Amino acid sequence: PADGKVNKIKWLLTWPLIFVLFTTIPNCSKPRWEKCFMLTFILSTLWIALFSYFMVWMVTVIGYTLGIPDVIMGITFLAAGTSVPDCMASLIVARQG
């Protein structure tokens, strides 16, 4: 019961982002868009750049608000950004045996 509510809330929060990405990036796995793989790659890269810029901006604002120097915030998020994917990969490999 509670898990279903959490999934609904997660879906509700992520739906606008998924909708924007769905409408702006062609799905090159479908036959209609097969030849647009470079456009898909370029648009995906632009979205990642935009998200990265927004994240750095927000970290800067949060650090300034809390009185934490930019260097400390940068190192902390850099460490998290490089450790989390490794952790996820390790979890996936461990679950596969």
PDB file of N, CA and C in Angstrom:
ATOM      1  N   PRO A   1       0.810  -1.216   0.000  1.00  0.00           N
ATOM      2  CA  PRO A   1       0.000   0.000   0.000  1.00  0.00           C
ATOM      3  C   PRO A   1       0.846   1.270   0.000  1.00  0.00           C
ATOM      4  N   ALA A   2       1.776   1.380   0.940  1.00  0.00           N
ATOM      5  CA  ALA A   2       2.609   2.585   1.003  1.00  0.00           C
ATOM      6  C   ALA A   2       3.550   2.641  -0.195  1.00  0.00           C
ATOM      7  N   ASP A   3       4.034   1.471  -0.644  1.00  0.00           N
ATOM      8  CA  ASP A   3       4.942   1.430  -1.787  1.00  0.00           C
ATOM      9  C   ASP A   3       4.238   1.932  -3.049  1.00  0.00           C
ATOM     10  N   GLY A   4       2.974   1.614  -3.203  1.00  0.00           N
ATOM     11  CA  GLY A   4       2.209   2.087  -4.352  1.00  0.00           C
ATOM     12  C   GLY A   4       2.062   3.599  -4.342  1.00  0.00           C
ATOM     13  N   LYS A   5       1.878   4.173  -3.165  1.00  0.00           N
ATOM     14  CA  LYS A   5       1.750   5.624  -3.050  1.00  0.00           C
ATOM     15  C   LYS A   5       3.070   6.314  -3.380  1.00  0.00           C
ATOM     16  N   VAL A   6       4.164   5.730  -2.929  1.00  0.00           N
ATOM     17  CA  VAL A   6       5.488   6.306  -3.215  1.00  0.00           C
ATOM     18  C   VAL A   6       5.747   6.281  -4.715  1.00  0.00           C
ATOM     19  N   ASN A   7       5.398   5.177  -5.367  1.00  0.00           N
ATOM     20  CA  ASN A   7       5.582   5.087  -6.816  1.00  0.00           C
ATOM     21  C   ASN A   7       4.719   6.098  -7.561  1.00  0.00           C
ATOM     22  N   LYS A   8       3.505   6.323  -7.092  1.00  0.00           N
ATOM     23  CA  LYS A   8       2.632   7.315  -7.724  1.00  0.00           C
ATOM     24  C   LYS A   8       3.191   8.725  -7.558  1.00  0.00           C
ATOM     25  N   ILE A   9       3.698   9.024  -6.376  1.00  0.00           N
ATOM     26  CA  ILE A   9       4.296  10.345  -6.141  1.00  0.00           C
ATOM     27  C   ILE A   9       5.537  10.530  -6.999  1.00  0.00           C
ATOM     28  N   LYS A  10       6.364   9.487  -7.075  1.00  0.00           N
ATOM     29  CA  LYS A  10       7.570   9.553  -7.909  1.00  0.00           C
ATOM     30  C   LYS A  10       7.201   9.762  -9.374  1.00  0.00           C
ATOM     31  N   TRP A  11       6.190   9.048  -9.842  1.00  0.00           N
ATOM     32  CA  TRP A  11       5.741   9.205 -11.230  1.00  0.00           C
ATOM     33  C   TRP A  11       5.225  10.616 -11.464  1.00  0.00           C
ATOM     34  N   LEU A  12       4.450  11.148 -10.520  1.00  0.00           N
ATOM     35  CA  LEU A  12       3.886  12.488 -10.655  1.00  0.00           C
ATOM     36  C   LEU A  12       4.979  13.557 -10.706  1.00  0.00           C
ATOM     37  N   LEU A  13       6.028  13.374  -9.915  1.00  0.00           N
ATOM     38  CA  LEU A  13       7.120  14.345  -9.889  1.00  0.00           C
ATOM     39  C   LEU A  13       8.016  14.266 -11.123  1.00  0.00           C
ATOM     40  N   THR A  14       8.200  13.068 -11.661  1.00  0.00           N
ATOM     41  CA  THR A  14       9.100  12.912 -12.808  1.00  0.00           C
ATOM     42  C   THR A  14       8.399  13.046 -14.154  1.00  0.00           C
ATOM     43  N   TRP A  15       7.075  12.999 -14.171  1.00  0.00           N
ATOM     44  CA  TRP A  15       6.349  13.041 -15.440  1.00  0.00           C
ATOM     45  C   TRP A  15       6.653  14.276 -16.282  1.00  0.00           C
ATOM     46  N   PRO A  16       6.683  15.494 -15.721  1.00  0.00           N
ATOM     47  CA  PRO A  16       6.987  16.654 -16.577  1.00  0.00           C
ATOM     48  C   PRO A  16       8.351  16.552 -17.252  1.00  0.00           C
ATOM     49  N   LEU A  17       9.354  16.094 -16.512  1.00  0.00           N
ATOM     50  CA  LEU A  17      10.690  15.945 -17.090  1.00  0.00           C
ATOM     51  C   LEU A  17      10.694  14.885 -18.190  1.00  0.00           C
ATOM     52  N   ILE A  18      10.070  13.768 -17.933  1.00  0.00           N
ATOM     53  CA  ILE A  18      10.005  12.697 -18.936  1.00  0.00           C
ATOM     54  C   ILE A  18       9.269  13.178 -20.181  1.00  0.00           C
ATOM     55  N   PHE A  19       8.200  13.939 -19.992  1.00  0.00           N
ATOM     56  CA  PHE A  19       7.436  14.458 -21.125  1.00  0.00           C
ATOM     57  C   PHE A  19       8.286  15.392 -21.987  1.00  0.00           C
ATOM     58  N   VAL A  20       9.021  16.305 -21.334  1.00  0.00           N
ATOM     59  CA  VAL A  20       9.865  17.248 -22.083  1.00  0.00           C
ATOM     60  C   VAL A  20      10.953  16.497 -22.845  1.00  0.00           C
ATOM     61  N   LEU A  21      11.598  15.540 -22.205  1.00  0.00           N
ATOM     62  CA  LEU A  21      12.639  14.772 -22.888  1.00  0.00           C
ATOM     63  C   LEU A  21      12.043  13.940 -24.027  1.00  0.00           C
ATOM     64  N   PHE A  22      10.880  13.354 -23.806  1.00  0.00           N
ATOM     65  CA  PHE A  22      10.223  12.551 -24.841  1.00  0.00           C
ATOM     66  C   PHE A  22       9.874  13.399 -26.064  1.00  0.00           C
ATOM     67  N   THR A  23       9.453  14.634 -25.842  1.00  0.00           N
ATOM     68  CA  THR A  23       9.038  15.475 -26.960  1.00  0.00           C
ATOM     69  C   THR A  23      10.205  16.161 -27.667  1.00  0.00           C
ATOM     70  N   THR A  24      11.362  16.259 -27.021  1.00  0.00           N
ATOM     71  CA  THR A  24      12.487  16.966 -27.645  1.00  0.00           C
ATOM     72  C   THR A  24      13.575  16.045 -28.197  1.00  0.00           C
ATOM     73  N   ILE A  25      13.601  14.796 -27.782  1.00  0.00           N
ATOM     74  CA  ILE A  25      14.649  13.872 -28.245  1.00  0.00           C
ATOM     75  C   ILE A  25      14.001  12.742 -29.041  1.00  0.00           C
ATOM     76  N   PRO A  26      14.351  12.607 -30.331  1.00  0.00           N
ATOM     77  CA  PRO A  26      13.762  11.511 -31.116  1.00  0.00           C
ATOM     78  C   PRO A  26      14.251  10.141 -30.628  1.00  0.00           C
ATOM     79  N   ASN A  27      13.350   9.188 -30.604  1.00  0.00           N
ATOM     80  CA  ASN A  27      13.687   7.824 -30.179  1.00  0.00           C
ATOM     81  C   ASN A  27      14.209   7.051 -31.385  1.00  0.00           C
ATOM     82  N   CYS A  28      15.527   6.971 -31.513  1.00  0.00           N
ATOM     83  CA  CYS A  28      16.107   6.361 -32.706  1.00  0.00           C
ATOM     84  C   CYS A  28      16.026   4.833 -32.707  1.00  0.00           C
ATOM     85  N   SER A  29      15.459   4.245 -31.664  1.00  0.00           N
ATOM     86  CA  SER A  29      15.266   2.797 -31.693  1.00  0.00           C
ATOM     87  C   SER A  29      14.005   2.423 -32.479  1.00  0.00           C
ATOM     88  N   LYS A  30      13.180   3.403 -32.785  1.00  0.00           N
ATOM     89  CA  LYS A  30      11.983   3.163 -33.599  1.00  0.00           C
ATOM     90  C   LYS A  30      12.335   3.352 -35.072  1.00  0.00           C
ATOM     91  N   PRO A  31      11.753   2.543 -35.951  1.00  0.00           N
ATOM     92  CA  PRO A  31      12.104   2.609 -37.377  1.00  0.00           C
ATOM     93  C   PRO A  31      11.951   4.004 -37.997  1.00  0.00           C
ATOM     94  N   ARG A  32      10.976   4.764 -37.545  1.00  0.00           N
ATOM     95  CA  ARG A  32      10.746   6.094 -38.110  1.00  0.00           C
ATOM     96  C   ARG A  32      11.937   7.031 -37.889  1.00  0.00           C
ATOM     97  N   TRP A  33      12.632   6.894 -36.758  1.00  0.00           N
ATOM     98  CA  TRP A  33      13.716   7.808 -36.375  1.00  0.00           C
ATOM     99  C   TRP A  33      15.097   7.156 -36.455  1.00  0.00           C
ATOM    100  N   GLU A  34      15.216   5.994 -37.097  1.00  0.00           N
ATOM    101  CA  GLU A  34      16.488   5.274 -37.164  1.00  0.00           C
ATOM    102  C   GLU A  34      17.646   6.131 -37.646  1.00  0.00           C
ATOM    103  N   LYS A  35      17.419   6.956 -38.630  1.00  0.00           N
ATOM    104  CA  LYS A  35      18.506   7.735 -39.234  1.00  0.00           C
ATOM    105  C   LYS A  35      18.828   9.006 -38.457  1.00  0.00           C
ATOM    106  N   CYS A  36      18.121   9.244 -37.377  1.00  0.00           N
ATOM    107  CA  CYS A  36      18.332  10.470 -36.588  1.00  0.00           C
ATOM    108  C   CYS A  36      19.176  10.208 -35.347  1.00  0.00           C
ATOM    109  N   PHE A  37      19.999   9.167 -35.370  1.00  0.00           N
ATOM    110  CA  PHE A  37      20.765   8.831 -34.179  1.00  0.00           C
ATOM    111  C   PHE A  37      21.729   9.940 -33.764  1.00  0.00           C
ATOM    112  N   MET A  38      22.287  10.669 -34.734  1.00  0.00           N
ATOM    113  CA  MET A  38      23.193  11.768 -34.372  1.00  0.00           C
ATOM    114  C   MET A  38      22.430  12.914 -33.712  1.00  0.00           C
ATOM    115  N   LEU A  39      21.239  13.199 -34.196  1.00  0.00           N
ATOM    116  CA  LEU A  39      20.410  14.232 -33.573  1.00  0.00           C
ATOM    117  C   LEU A  39      20.053  13.828 -32.144  1.00  0.00           C
ATOM    118  N   THR A  40      19.719  12.553 -31.947  1.00  0.00           N
ATOM    119  CA  THR A  40      19.422  12.046 -30.608  1.00  0.00           C
ATOM    120  C   THR A  40      20.632  12.218 -29.700  1.00  0.00           C
ATOM    121  N   PHE A  41      21.809  11.875 -30.210  1.00  0.00           N
ATOM    122  CA  PHE A  41      23.037  12.000 -29.417  1.00  0.00           C
ATOM    123  C   PHE A  41      23.305  13.460 -29.054  1.00  0.00           C
ATOM    124  N   ILE A  42      23.189  14.353 -30.013  1.00  0.00           N
ATOM    125  CA  ILE A  42      23.476  15.771 -29.779  1.00  0.00           C
ATOM    126  C   ILE A  42      22.471  16.371 -28.793  1.00  0.00           C
ATOM    127  N   LEU A  43      21.187  16.086 -28.992  1.00  0.00           N
ATOM    128  CA  LEU A  43      20.176  16.622 -28.081  1.00  0.00           C
ATOM    129  C   LEU A  43      20.331  16.053 -26.670  1.00  0.00           C
ATOM    130  N   SER A  44      20.680  14.786 -26.561  1.00  0.00           N
ATOM    131  CA  SER A  44      20.912  14.191 -25.245  1.00  0.00           C
ATOM    132  C   SER A  44      22.092  14.870 -24.553  1.00  0.00           C
ATOM    133  N   THR A  45      23.148  15.126 -25.311  1.00  0.00           N
ATOM    134  CA  THR A  45      24.317  15.802 -24.754  1.00  0.00           C
ATOM    135  C   THR A  45      23.975  17.225 -24.306  1.00  0.00           C
ATOM    136  N   LEU A  46      23.162  17.919 -25.092  1.00  0.00           N
ATOM    137  CA  LEU A  46      22.744  19.273 -24.704  1.00  0.00           C
ATOM    138  C   LEU A  46      21.899  19.256 -23.434  1.00  0.00           C
ATOM    139  N   TRP A  47      21.012  18.283 -23.309  1.00  0.00           N
ATOM    140  CA  TRP A  47      20.207  18.181 -22.095  1.00  0.00           C
ATOM    141  C   TRP A  47      21.088  17.880 -20.883  1.00  0.00           C
ATOM    142  N   ILE A  48      22.066  16.994 -21.039  1.00  0.00           N
ATOM    143  CA  ILE A  48      22.985  16.696 -19.932  1.00  0.00           C
ATOM    144  C   ILE A  48      23.755  17.952 -19.541  1.00  0.00           C
ATOM    145  N   ALA A  49      24.196  18.727 -20.521  1.00  0.00           N
ATOM    146  CA  ALA A  49      24.907  19.977 -20.231  1.00  0.00           C
ATOM    147  C   ALA A  49      24.006  20.950 -19.479  1.00  0.00           C
ATOM    148  N   LEU A  50      22.754  21.063 -19.891  1.00  0.00           N
ATOM    149  CA  LEU A  50      21.813  21.960 -19.223  1.00  0.00           C
ATOM    150  C   LEU A  50      21.556  21.512 -17.783  1.00  0.00           C
ATOM    151  N   PHE A  51      21.350  20.213 -17.587  1.00  0.00           N
ATOM    152  CA  PHE A  51      21.134  19.696 -16.235  1.00  0.00           C
ATOM    153  C   PHE A  51      22.378  19.912 -15.364  1.00  0.00           C
ATOM    154  N   SER A  52      23.565  19.720 -15.940  1.00  0.00           N
ATOM    155  CA  SER A  52      24.804  19.920 -15.189  1.00  0.00           C
ATOM    156  C   SER A  52      24.960  21.378 -14.781  1.00  0.00           C
ATOM    157  N   TYR A  53      24.680  22.288 -15.703  1.00  0.00           N
ATOM    158  CA  TYR A  53      24.762  23.715 -15.387  1.00  0.00           C
ATOM    159  C   TYR A  53      23.796  24.077 -14.266  1.00  0.00           C
ATOM    160  N   PHE A  54      22.557  23.583 -14.370  1.00  0.00           N
ATOM    161  CA  PHE A  54      21.557  23.865 -13.352  1.00  0.00           C
ATOM    162  C   PHE A  54      21.984  23.303 -11.996  1.00  0.00           C
ATOM    163  N   MET A  55      22.552  22.083 -11.978  1.00  0.00           N
ATOM    164  CA  MET A  55      22.991  21.479 -10.730  1.00  0.00           C
ATOM    165  C   MET A  55      24.114  22.287 -10.087  1.00  0.00           C
ATOM    166  N   VAL A  56      25.092  22.709 -10.887  1.00  0.00           N
ATOM    167  CA  VAL A  56      26.199  23.502 -10.345  1.00  0.00           C
ATOM    168  C   VAL A  56      25.689  24.834  -9.812  1.00  0.00           C
ATOM    169  N   TRP A  57      24.775  25.442 -10.524  1.00  0.00           N
ATOM    170  CA  TRP A  57      24.189  26.703 -10.079  1.00  0.00           C
ATOM    171  C   TRP A  57      23.483  26.531  -8.735  1.00  0.00           C
ATOM    172  N   MET A  58      22.677  25.470  -8.611  1.00  0.00           N
ATOM    173  CA  MET A  58      21.961  25.220  -7.363  1.00  0.00           C
ATOM    174  C   MET A  58      22.918  24.904  -6.216  1.00  0.00           C
ATOM    175  N   VAL A  59      23.976  24.146  -6.485  1.00  0.00           N
ATOM    176  CA  VAL A  59      24.964  23.848  -5.446  1.00  0.00           C
ATOM    177  C   VAL A  59      25.649  25.133  -4.988  1.00  0.00           C
ATOM    178  N   THR A  60      25.940  26.015  -5.922  1.00  0.00           N
ATOM    179  CA  THR A  60      26.551  27.302  -5.574  1.00  0.00           C
ATOM    180  C   THR A  60      25.615  28.124  -4.698  1.00  0.00           C
ATOM    181  N   VAL A  61      24.348  28.179  -5.058  1.00  0.00           N
ATOM    182  CA  VAL A  61      23.366  28.941  -4.276  1.00  0.00           C
ATOM    183  C   VAL A  61      23.209  28.339  -2.874  1.00  0.00           C
ATOM    184  N   ILE A  62      23.095  27.016  -2.805  1.00  0.00           N
ATOM    185  CA  ILE A  62      22.943  26.354  -1.507  1.00  0.00           C
ATOM    186  C   ILE A  62      24.180  26.575  -0.642  1.00  0.00           C
ATOM    187  N   GLY A  63      25.365  26.435  -1.243  1.00  0.00           N
ATOM    188  CA  GLY A  63      26.603  26.665  -0.495  1.00  0.00           C
ATOM    189  C   GLY A  63      26.706  28.094   0.010  1.00  0.00           C
ATOM    190  N   TYR A  64      26.337  29.042  -0.818  1.00  0.00           N
ATOM    191  CA  TYR A  64      26.371  30.456  -0.412  1.00  0.00           C
ATOM    192  C   TYR A  64      25.376  30.713   0.720  1.00  0.00           C
ATOM    193  N   THR A  65      24.192  30.117   0.616  1.00  0.00           N
ATOM    194  CA  THR A  65      23.154  30.300   1.628  1.00  0.00           C
ATOM    195  C   THR A  65      23.582  29.715   2.977  1.00  0.00           C
ATOM    196  N   LEU A  66      24.228  28.554   2.937  1.00  0.00           N
ATOM    197  CA  LEU A  66      24.650  27.887   4.175  1.00  0.00           C
ATOM    198  C   LEU A  66      26.035  28.328   4.646  1.00  0.00           C
ATOM    199  N   GLY A  67      26.693  29.178   3.871  1.00  0.00           N
ATOM    200  CA  GLY A  67      28.012  29.662   4.256  1.00  0.00           C
ATOM    201  C   GLY A  67      29.130  28.655   4.036  1.00  0.00           C
ATOM    202  N   ILE A  68      28.924  27.739   3.101  1.00  0.00           N
ATOM    203  CA  ILE A  68      29.937  26.721   2.795  1.00  0.00           C
ATOM    204  C   ILE A  68      30.714  27.188   1.576  1.00  0.00           C
ATOM    205  N   PRO A  69      32.046  27.187   1.631  1.00  0.00           N
ATOM    206  CA  PRO A  69      32.842  27.650   0.482  1.00  0.00           C
ATOM    207  C   PRO A  69      32.583  26.809  -0.776  1.00  0.00           C
ATOM    208  N   ASP A  70      32.725  27.464  -1.935  1.00  0.00           N
ATOM    209  CA  ASP A  70      32.511  26.787  -3.220  1.00  0.00           C
ATOM    210  C   ASP A  70      33.426  25.577  -3.385  1.00  0.00           C
ATOM    211  N   VAL A  71      34.651  25.683  -2.906  1.00  0.00           N
ATOM    212  CA  VAL A  71      35.620  24.581  -3.052  1.00  0.00           C
ATOM    213  C   VAL A  71      35.126  23.335  -2.328  1.00  0.00           C
ATOM    214  N   ILE A  72      34.634  23.507  -1.112  1.00  0.00           N
ATOM    215  CA  ILE A  72      34.138  22.362  -0.332  1.00  0.00           C
ATOM    216  C   ILE A  72      32.906  21.753  -1.003  1.00  0.00           C
ATOM    217  N   MET A  73      31.997  22.603  -1.446  1.00  0.00           N
ATOM    218  CA  MET A  73      30.796  22.096  -2.129  1.00  0.00           C
ATOM    219  C   MET A  73      31.189  21.367  -3.416  1.00  0.00           C
ATOM    220  N   GLY A  74      32.116  21.934  -4.159  1.00  0.00           N
ATOM    221  CA  GLY A  74      32.555  21.316  -5.406  1.00  0.00           C
ATOM    222  C   GLY A  74      33.188  19.962  -5.191  1.00  0.00           C
ATOM    223  N   ILE A  75      34.093  19.879  -4.218  1.00  0.00           N
ATOM    224  CA  ILE A  75      34.760  18.605  -3.942  1.00  0.00           C
ATOM    225  C   ILE A  75      33.760  17.561  -3.454  1.00  0.00           C
ATOM    226  N   THR A  76      32.823  17.979  -2.609  1.00  0.00           N
ATOM    227  CA  THR A  76      31.821  17.052  -2.084  1.00  0.00           C
ATOM    228  C   THR A  76      30.954  16.493  -3.199  1.00  0.00           C
ATOM    229  N   PHE A  77      30.462  17.349  -4.077  1.00  0.00           N
ATOM    230  CA  PHE A  77      29.597  16.869  -5.151  1.00  0.00           C
ATOM    231  C   PHE A  77      30.376  16.131  -6.226  1.00  0.00           C
ATOM    232  N   LEU A  78      31.626  16.502  -6.428  1.00  0.00           N
ATOM    233  CA  LEU A  78      32.463  15.746  -7.356  1.00  0.00           C
ATOM    234  C   LEU A  78      32.672  14.330  -6.834  1.00  0.00           C
ATOM    235  N   ALA A  79      32.934  14.210  -5.539  1.00  0.00           N
ATOM    236  CA  ALA A  79      33.114  12.889  -4.941  1.00  0.00           C
ATOM    237  C   ALA A  79      31.836  12.064  -5.052  1.00  0.00           C
ATOM    238  N   ALA A  80      30.706  12.690  -4.763  1.00  0.00           N
ATOM    239  CA  ALA A  80      29.430  11.968  -4.856  1.00  0.00           C
ATOM    240  C   ALA A  80      29.132  11.592  -6.308  1.00  0.00           C
ATOM    241  N   GLY A  81      29.414  12.500  -7.225  1.00  0.00           N
ATOM    242  CA  GLY A  81      29.131  12.250  -8.634  1.00  0.00           C
ATOM    243  C   GLY A  81      29.966  11.128  -9.224  1.00  0.00           C
ATOM    244  N   THR A  82      31.157  10.914  -8.674  1.00  0.00           N
ATOM    245  CA  THR A  82      31.986   9.820  -9.188  1.00  0.00           C
ATOM    246  C   THR A  82      31.780   8.526  -8.417  1.00  0.00           C
ATOM    247  N   SER A  83      31.312   8.603  -7.183  1.00  0.00           N
ATOM    248  CA  SER A  83      31.141   7.402  -6.365  1.00  0.00           C
ATOM    249  C   SER A  83      29.804   6.714  -6.584  1.00  0.00           C
ATOM    250  N   VAL A  84      28.765   7.485  -6.788  1.00  0.00           N
ATOM    251  CA  VAL A  84      27.427   6.896  -6.924  1.00  0.00           C
ATOM    252  C   VAL A  84      27.330   5.955  -8.132  1.00  0.00           C
ATOM    253  N   PRO A  85      27.807   6.337  -9.328  1.00  0.00           N
ATOM    254  CA  PRO A  85      27.733   5.377 -10.443  1.00  0.00           C
ATOM    255  C   PRO A  85      28.525   4.092 -10.186  1.00  0.00           C
ATOM    256  N   ASP A  86      29.690   4.207  -9.540  1.00  0.00           N
ATOM    257  CA  ASP A  86      30.468   3.011  -9.202  1.00  0.00           C
ATOM    258  C   ASP A  86      29.705   2.125  -8.223  1.00  0.00           C
ATOM    259  N   CYS A  87      29.052   2.753  -7.266  1.00  0.00           N
ATOM    260  CA  CYS A  87      28.260   2.006  -6.285  1.00  0.00           C
ATOM    261  C   CYS A  87      27.112   1.278  -6.972  1.00  0.00           C
ATOM    262  N   MET A  88      26.430   1.965  -7.876  1.00  0.00           N
ATOM    263  CA  MET A  88      25.314   1.335  -8.595  1.00  0.00           C
ATOM    264  C   MET A  88      25.798   0.167  -9.448  1.00  0.00           C
ATOM    265  N   ALA A  89      26.925   0.354 -10.126  1.00  0.00           N
ATOM    266  CA  ALA A  89      27.480  -0.734 -10.940  1.00  0.00           C
ATOM    267  C   ALA A  89      27.845  -1.927 -10.068  1.00  0.00           C
ATOM    268  N   SER A  90      28.413  -1.667  -8.914  1.00  0.00           N
ATOM    269  CA  SER A  90      28.771  -2.747  -7.992  1.00  0.00           C
ATOM    270  C   SER A  90      27.532  -3.485  -7.499  1.00  0.00           C
ATOM    271  N   LEU A  91      26.475  -2.745  -7.192  1.00  0.00           N
ATOM    272  CA  LEU A  91      25.242  -3.378  -6.749  1.00  0.00           C
ATOM    273  C   LEU A  91      24.648  -4.261  -7.851  1.00  0.00           C
ATOM    274  N   ILE A  92      24.671  -3.787  -9.070  1.00  0.00           N
ATOM    275  CA  ILE A  92      24.115  -4.568 -10.181  1.00  0.00           C
ATOM    276  C   ILE A  92      24.914  -5.860 -10.378  1.00  0.00           C
ATOM    277  N   VAL A  93      26.237  -5.743 -10.338  1.00  0.00           N
ATOM    278  CA  VAL A  93      27.084  -6.935 -10.507  1.00  0.00           C
ATOM    279  C   VAL A  93      26.888  -7.893  -9.354  1.00  0.00           C
ATOM    280  N   ALA A  94      26.771  -7.383  -8.123  1.00  0.00           N
ATOM    281  CA  ALA A  94      26.568  -8.259  -6.960  1.00  0.00           C
ATOM    282  C   ALA A  94      25.229  -8.989  -7.060  1.00  0.00           C
ATOM    283  N   ARG A  95      24.199  -8.319  -7.543  1.00  0.00           N
ATOM    284  CA  ARG A  95      22.888  -8.982  -7.660  1.00  0.00           C
ATOM    285  C   ARG A  95      22.895 -10.043  -8.747  1.00  0.00           C
ATOM    286  N   GLN A  96      23.739  -9.869  -9.771  1.00  0.00           N
ATOM    287  CA  GLN A  96      23.820 -10.862 -10.843  1.00  0.00           C
ATOM    288  C   GLN A  96      24.660 -12.067 -10.430  1.00  0.00           C
ATOM    289  N   GLY A  97      25.395 -11.928  -9.344  1.00  0.00           N
ATOM    290  CA  GLY A  97      26.189 -13.045  -8.834  1.00  0.00           C
ATOM    291  C   GLY A  97      27.575 -12.974  -9.375  1.00  0.00           C
TER     292      GLY A  97
END
